[in-house]
Amino acid sequence: MRRYQVVFYCEKTKQTKIDIIINSAFTGAYVYAKSKMVDLNEHSEDEWVIASIYDLEIEFQIDKKLY
């Protein structure tokens, strides 16, 4: 399982919302993000978009040699 940070952004209000989720694949994080974006837009007059989906596990792999 991997940790993903999903950032949502509203251009009108300049607000961001950040969710940290655990999923086995990027595809699962993307499906979650799309679903959450739809939910945010249904319950708000402002338009929210997915600003980024970031794999948080990468930060722990930086010290490993790639060669």
PDB file of N, CA and C in Angstrom:
ATOM      1  N   MET A   1       0.841  -1.178   0.000  1.00  0.00           N
ATOM      2  CA  MET A   1       0.000   0.000   0.000  1.00  0.00           C
ATOM      3  C   MET A   1       0.891   1.247   0.000  1.00  0.00           C
ATOM      4  N   ARG A   2       0.417   2.269  -0.679  1.00  0.00           N
ATOM      5  CA  ARG A   2       1.169   3.508  -0.793  1.00  0.00           C
ATOM      6  C   ARG A   2       0.317   4.671  -0.285  1.00  0.00           C
ATOM      7  N   ARG A   3       1.001   5.715   0.154  1.00  0.00           N
ATOM      8  CA  ARG A   3       0.305   6.925   0.608  1.00  0.00           C
ATOM      9  C   ARG A   3       0.339   7.961  -0.509  1.00  0.00           C
ATOM     10  N   TYR A   4      -0.806   8.578  -0.743  1.00  0.00           N
ATOM     11  CA  TYR A   4      -0.918   9.616  -1.766  1.00  0.00           C
ATOM     12  C   TYR A   4      -1.489  10.879  -1.136  1.00  0.00           C
ATOM     13  N   GLN A   5      -0.966  12.015  -1.570  1.00  0.00           N
ATOM     14  CA  GLN A   5      -1.511  13.306  -1.172  1.00  0.00           C
ATOM     15  C   GLN A   5      -2.302  13.844  -2.354  1.00  0.00           C
ATOM     16  N   VAL A   6      -3.574  14.114  -2.125  1.00  0.00           N
ATOM     17  CA  VAL A   6      -4.438  14.654  -3.169  1.00  0.00           C
ATOM     18  C   VAL A   6      -4.769  16.097  -2.790  1.00  0.00           C
ATOM     19  N   VAL A   7      -4.482  17.027  -3.710  1.00  0.00           N
ATOM     20  CA  VAL A   7      -4.731  18.440  -3.459  1.00  0.00           C
ATOM     21  C   VAL A   7      -5.829  18.917  -4.397  1.00  0.00           C
ATOM     22  N   PHE A   8      -6.843  19.555  -3.809  1.00  0.00           N
ATOM     23  CA  PHE A   8      -7.937  20.152  -4.563  1.00  0.00           C
ATOM     24  C   PHE A   8      -7.798  21.666  -4.468  1.00  0.00           C
ATOM     25  N   TYR A   9      -8.179  22.376  -5.536  1.00  0.00           N
ATOM     26  CA  TYR A   9      -8.007  23.823  -5.570  1.00  0.00           C
ATOM     27  C   TYR A   9      -9.261  24.486  -6.128  1.00  0.00           C
ATOM     28  N   CYS A  10      -9.627  25.611  -5.513  1.00  0.00           N
ATOM     29  CA  CYS A  10     -10.748  26.423  -5.983  1.00  0.00           C
ATOM     30  C   CYS A  10     -10.189  27.766  -6.459  1.00  0.00           C
ATOM     31  N   GLU A  11     -10.298  28.038  -7.748  1.00  0.00           N
ATOM     32  CA  GLU A  11      -9.762  29.270  -8.327  1.00  0.00           C
ATOM     33  C   GLU A  11     -10.483  30.508  -7.785  1.00  0.00           C
ATOM     34  N   LYS A  12     -11.787  30.411  -7.623  1.00  0.00           N
ATOM     35  CA  LYS A  12     -12.580  31.565  -7.181  1.00  0.00           C
ATOM     36  C   LYS A  12     -12.186  32.044  -5.785  1.00  0.00           C
ATOM     37  N   THR A  13     -12.043  31.117  -4.851  1.00  0.00           N
ATOM     38  CA  THR A  13     -11.743  31.483  -3.461  1.00  0.00           C
ATOM     39  C   THR A  13     -10.262  31.352  -3.117  1.00  0.00           C
ATOM     40  N   LYS A  14      -9.478  30.792  -4.034  1.00  0.00           N
ATOM     41  CA  LYS A  14      -8.039  30.558  -3.820  1.00  0.00           C
ATOM     42  C   LYS A  14      -7.777  29.622  -2.637  1.00  0.00           C
ATOM     43  N   GLN A  15      -8.710  28.718  -2.371  1.00  0.00           N
ATOM     44  CA  GLN A  15      -8.566  27.764  -1.273  1.00  0.00           C
ATOM     45  C   GLN A  15      -8.040  26.436  -1.796  1.00  0.00           C
ATOM     46  N   THR A  16      -7.358  25.723  -0.915  1.00  0.00           N
ATOM     47  CA  THR A  16      -6.940  24.360  -1.213  1.00  0.00           C
ATOM     48  C   THR A  16      -7.444  23.432  -0.123  1.00  0.00           C
ATOM     49  N   LYS A  17      -7.666  22.201  -0.495  1.00  0.00           N
ATOM     50  CA  LYS A  17      -8.006  21.138   0.453  1.00  0.00           C
ATOM     51  C   LYS A  17      -7.047  19.996   0.161  1.00  0.00           C
ATOM     52  N   ILE A  18      -6.530  19.402   1.220  1.00  0.00           N
ATOM     53  CA  ILE A  18      -5.564  18.323   1.059  1.00  0.00           C
ATOM     54  C   ILE A  18      -6.069  17.072   1.767  1.00  0.00           C
ATOM     55  N   ASP A  19      -6.063  15.965   1.055  1.00  0.00           N
ATOM     56  CA  ASP A  19      -6.402  14.658   1.620  1.00  0.00           C
ATOM     57  C   ASP A  19      -5.181  13.758   1.503  1.00  0.00           C
ATOM     58  N   ILE A  20      -4.942  12.972   2.524  1.00  0.00           N
ATOM     59  CA  ILE A  20      -3.918  11.936   2.473  1.00  0.00           C
ATOM     60  C   ILE A  20      -4.667  10.606   2.467  1.00  0.00           C
ATOM     61  N   ILE A  21      -4.416   9.802   1.450  1.00  0.00           N
ATOM     62  CA  ILE A  21      -5.117   8.523   1.354  1.00  0.00           C
ATOM     63  C   ILE A  21      -4.104   7.394   1.214  1.00  0.00           C
ATOM     64  N   ILE A  22      -4.553   6.202   1.494  1.00  0.00           N
ATOM     65  CA  ILE A  22      -3.736   5.003   1.323  1.00  0.00           C
ATOM     66  C   ILE A  22      -4.410   4.144   0.265  1.00  0.00           C
ATOM     67  N   ASN A  23      -3.640   3.775  -0.749  1.00  0.00           N
ATOM     68  CA  ASN A  23      -4.177   2.960  -1.826  1.00  0.00           C
ATOM     69  C   ASN A  23      -3.044   2.137  -2.410  1.00  0.00           C
ATOM     70  N   SER A  24      -3.395   1.096  -3.103  1.00  0.00           N
ATOM     71  CA  SER A  24      -2.361   0.203  -3.642  1.00  0.00           C
ATOM     72  C   SER A  24      -1.786   0.697  -4.968  1.00  0.00           C
ATOM     73  N   ALA A  25      -2.474   1.630  -5.638  1.00  0.00           N
ATOM     74  CA  ALA A  25      -1.999   2.071  -6.946  1.00  0.00           C
ATOM     75  C   ALA A  25      -2.434   3.517  -7.215  1.00  0.00           C
ATOM     76  N   PHE A  26      -1.708   4.157  -8.123  1.00  0.00           N
ATOM     77  CA  PHE A  26      -2.037   5.519  -8.512  1.00  0.00           C
ATOM     78  C   PHE A  26      -3.453   5.590  -9.084  1.00  0.00           C
ATOM     79  N   THR A  27      -3.840   4.574  -9.826  1.00  0.00           N
ATOM     80  CA  THR A  27      -5.178   4.548 -10.416  1.00  0.00           C
ATOM     81  C   THR A  27      -6.253   4.655  -9.343  1.00  0.00           C
ATOM     82  N   GLY A  28      -6.079   3.961  -8.234  1.00  0.00           N
ATOM     83  CA  GLY A  28      -7.031   4.035  -7.130  1.00  0.00           C
ATOM     84  C   GLY A  28      -7.077   5.429  -6.525  1.00  0.00           C
ATOM     85  N   ALA A  29      -5.917   6.070  -6.406  1.00  0.00           N
ATOM     86  CA  ALA A  29      -5.866   7.438  -5.890  1.00  0.00           C
ATOM     87  C   ALA A  29      -6.567   8.393  -6.847  1.00  0.00           C
ATOM     88  N   TYR A  30      -6.410   8.166  -8.144  1.00  0.00           N
ATOM     89  CA  TYR A  30      -7.062   9.004  -9.150  1.00  0.00           C
ATOM     90  C   TYR A  30      -8.581   8.851  -9.093  1.00  0.00           C
ATOM     91  N   VAL A  31      -9.055   7.621  -8.965  1.00  0.00           N
ATOM     92  CA  VAL A  31     -10.499   7.371  -8.861  1.00  0.00           C
ATOM     93  C   VAL A  31     -11.059   8.057  -7.612  1.00  0.00           C
ATOM     94  N   TYR A  32     -10.331   7.949  -6.493  1.00  0.00           N
ATOM     95  CA  TYR A  32     -10.744   8.631  -5.268  1.00  0.00           C
ATOM     96  C   TYR A  32     -10.825  10.142  -5.499  1.00  0.00           C
ATOM     97  N   ALA A  33      -9.793  10.706  -6.124  1.00  0.00           N
ATOM     98  CA  ALA A  33      -9.744  12.150  -6.354  1.00  0.00           C
ATOM     99  C   ALA A  33     -10.898  12.625  -7.221  1.00  0.00           C
ATOM    100  N   LYS A  34     -11.191  11.899  -8.288  1.00  0.00           N
ATOM    101  CA  LYS A  34     -12.320  12.269  -9.169  1.00  0.00           C
ATOM    102  C   LYS A  34     -13.632  12.231  -8.405  1.00  0.00           C
ATOM    103  N   SER A  35     -13.837  11.184  -7.606  1.00  0.00           N
ATOM    104  CA  SER A  35     -15.065  11.046  -6.829  1.00  0.00           C
ATOM    105  C   SER A  35     -15.199  12.176  -5.807  1.00  0.00           C
ATOM    106  N   LYS A  36     -14.102  12.485  -5.121  1.00  0.00           N
ATOM    107  CA  LYS A  36     -14.114  13.550  -4.117  1.00  0.00           C
ATOM    108  C   LYS A  36     -14.362  14.912  -4.771  1.00  0.00           C
ATOM    109  N   MET A  37     -13.789  15.139  -5.959  1.00  0.00           N
ATOM    110  CA  MET A  37     -14.003  16.392  -6.678  1.00  0.00           C
ATOM    111  C   MET A  37     -15.472  16.559  -7.050  1.00  0.00           C
ATOM    112  N   VAL A  38     -16.088  15.507  -7.516  1.00  0.00           N
ATOM    113  CA  VAL A  38     -17.515  15.554  -7.842  1.00  0.00           C
ATOM    114  C   VAL A  38     -18.320  15.893  -6.590  1.00  0.00           C
ATOM    115  N   ASP A  39     -17.980  15.263  -5.472  1.00  0.00           N
ATOM    116  CA  ASP A  39     -18.661  15.519  -4.207  1.00  0.00           C
ATOM    117  C   ASP A  39     -18.487  16.976  -3.768  1.00  0.00           C
ATOM    118  N   LEU A  40     -17.271  17.491  -3.858  1.00  0.00           N
ATOM    119  CA  LEU A  40     -17.020  18.889  -3.494  1.00  0.00           C
ATOM    120  C   LEU A  40     -17.841  19.843  -4.358  1.00  0.00           C
ATOM    121  N   ASN A  41     -17.918  19.561  -5.650  1.00  0.00           N
ATOM    122  CA  ASN A  41     -18.646  20.438  -6.564  1.00  0.00           C
ATOM    123  C   ASN A  41     -20.160  20.349  -6.377  1.00  0.00           C
ATOM    124  N   GLU A  42     -20.658  19.208  -5.935  1.00  0.00           N
ATOM    125  CA  GLU A  42     -22.092  19.063  -5.687  1.00  0.00           C
ATOM    126  C   GLU A  42     -22.532  19.812  -4.438  1.00  0.00           C
ATOM    127  N   HIS A  43     -21.617  19.968  -3.468  1.00  0.00           N
ATOM    128  CA  HIS A  43     -21.966  20.586  -2.198  1.00  0.00           C
ATOM    129  C   HIS A  43     -21.423  22.002  -2.052  1.00  0.00           C
ATOM    130  N   SER A  44     -21.043  22.619  -3.156  1.00  0.00           N
ATOM    131  CA  SER A  44     -20.476  23.954  -3.114  1.00  0.00           C
ATOM    132  C   SER A  44     -20.877  24.715  -4.373  1.00  0.00           C
ATOM    133  N   GLU A  45     -20.980  26.016  -4.248  1.00  0.00           N
ATOM    134  CA  GLU A  45     -21.251  26.840  -5.424  1.00  0.00           C
ATOM    135  C   GLU A  45     -19.975  27.105  -6.213  1.00  0.00           C
ATOM    136  N   ASP A  46     -18.829  26.868  -5.581  1.00  0.00           N
ATOM    137  CA  ASP A  46     -17.542  27.102  -6.225  1.00  0.00           C
ATOM    138  C   ASP A  46     -17.088  25.852  -6.966  1.00  0.00           C
ATOM    139  N   GLU A  47     -16.265  26.062  -7.999  1.00  0.00           N
ATOM    140  CA  GLU A  47     -15.760  24.931  -8.768  1.00  0.00           C
ATOM    141  C   GLU A  47     -14.394  24.494  -8.239  1.00  0.00           C
ATOM    142  N   TRP A  48     -14.299  23.226  -7.863  1.00  0.00           N
ATOM    143  CA  TRP A  48     -13.061  22.636  -7.371  1.00  0.00           C
ATOM    144  C   TRP A  48     -12.451  21.770  -8.456  1.00  0.00           C
ATOM    145  N   VAL A  49     -11.122  21.775  -8.525  1.00  0.00           N
ATOM    146  CA  VAL A  49     -10.403  20.930  -9.477  1.00  0.00           C
ATOM    147  C   VAL A  49      -9.330  20.146  -8.719  1.00  0.00           C
ATOM    148  N   ILE A  50      -8.848  19.092  -9.335  1.00  0.00           N
ATOM    149  CA  ILE A  50      -7.731  18.336  -8.766  1.00  0.00           C
ATOM    150  C   ILE A  50      -6.455  19.067  -9.155  1.00  0.00           C
ATOM    151  N   ALA A  51      -5.742  19.562  -8.177  1.00  0.00           N
ATOM    152  CA  ALA A  51      -4.497  20.289  -8.450  1.00  0.00           C
ATOM    153  C   ALA A  51      -3.321  19.332  -8.597  1.00  0.00           C
ATOM    154  N   SER A  52      -3.282  18.299  -7.752  1.00  0.00           N
ATOM    155  CA  SER A  52      -2.186  17.337  -7.862  1.00  0.00           C
ATOM    156  C   SER A  52      -2.506  16.057  -7.103  1.00  0.00           C
ATOM    157  N   ILE A  53      -1.854  15.002  -7.535  1.00  0.00           N
ATOM    158  CA  ILE A  53      -1.852  13.732  -6.816  1.00  0.00           C
ATOM    159  C   ILE A  53      -0.389  13.358  -6.694  1.00  0.00           C
ATOM    160  N   TYR A  54       0.081  13.274  -5.467  1.00  0.00           N
ATOM    161  CA  TYR A  54       1.506  13.074  -5.213  1.00  0.00           C
ATOM    162  C   TYR A  54       1.722  11.793  -4.420  1.00  0.00           C
ATOM    163  N   ASP A  55       2.632  10.969  -4.898  1.00  0.00           N
ATOM    164  CA  ASP A  55       2.989   9.726  -4.220  1.00  0.00           C
ATOM    165  C   ASP A  55       3.963  10.060  -3.091  1.00  0.00           C
ATOM    166  N   LEU A  56       3.524   9.967  -1.859  1.00  0.00           N
ATOM    167  CA  LEU A  56       4.357  10.333  -0.716  1.00  0.00           C
ATOM    168  C   LEU A  56       5.465   9.331  -0.432  1.00  0.00           C
ATOM    169  N   GLU A  57       5.375   8.144  -0.971  1.00  0.00           N
ATOM    170  CA  GLU A  57       6.410   7.136  -0.742  1.00  0.00           C
ATOM    171  C   GLU A  57       7.709   7.492  -1.462  1.00  0.00           C
ATOM    172  N   ILE A  58       7.651   8.313  -2.478  1.00  0.00           N
ATOM    173  CA  ILE A  58       8.854   8.687  -3.232  1.00  0.00           C
ATOM    174  C   ILE A  58       9.855   9.395  -2.334  1.00  0.00           C
ATOM    175  N   GLU A  59       9.369  10.237  -1.417  1.00  0.00           N
ATOM    176  CA  GLU A  59      10.276  10.979  -0.555  1.00  0.00           C
ATOM    177  C   GLU A  59      11.164  10.063   0.286  1.00  0.00           C
ATOM    178  N   PHE A  60      10.703   8.858   0.562  1.00  0.00           N
ATOM    179  CA  PHE A  60      11.482   7.927   1.361  1.00  0.00           C
ATOM    180  C   PHE A  60      12.456   7.121   0.513  1.00  0.00           C
ATOM    181  N   GLN A  61      12.366   7.243  -0.789  1.00  0.00           N
ATOM    182  CA  GLN A  61      13.239   6.499  -1.680  1.00  0.00           C
ATOM    183  C   GLN A  61      14.379   7.354  -2.226  1.00  0.00           C
ATOM    184  N   ILE A  62      14.421   8.616  -1.884  1.00  0.00           N
ATOM    185  CA  ILE A  62      15.435   9.517  -2.427  1.00  0.00           C
ATOM    186  C   ILE A  62      16.836   9.086  -2.041  1.00  0.00           C
ATOM    187  N   ASP A  63      17.000   8.567  -0.824  1.00  0.00           N
ATOM    188  CA  ASP A  63      18.341   8.196  -0.383  1.00  0.00           C
ATOM    189  C   ASP A  63      18.862   6.907  -1.040  1.00  0.00           C
ATOM    190  N   LYS A  64      18.024   6.198  -1.750  1.00  0.00           N
ATOM    191  CA  LYS A  64      18.443   4.959  -2.406  1.00  0.00           C
ATOM    192  C   LYS A  64      19.132   5.284  -3.736  1.00  0.00           C
ATOM    193  N   LYS A  65      20.190   4.570  -4.030  1.00  0.00           N
ATOM    194  CA  LYS A  65      20.880   4.755  -5.299  1.00  0.00           C
ATOM    195  C   LYS A  65      20.062   4.123  -6.429  1.00  0.00           C
ATOM    196  N   LEU A  66      19.998   4.814  -7.535  1.00  0.00           N
ATOM    197  CA  LEU A  66      19.218   4.324  -8.670  1.00  0.00           C
ATOM    198  C   LEU A  66      20.064   3.532  -9.665  1.00  0.00           C
ATOM    199  N   TYR A  67      21.336   3.370  -9.385  1.00  0.00           N
ATOM    200  CA  TYR A  67      22.192   2.626 -10.310  1.00  0.00           C
ATOM    201  C   TYR A  67      22.823   1.455  -9.615  1.00  0.00           C
TER     202      TYR A  67
END
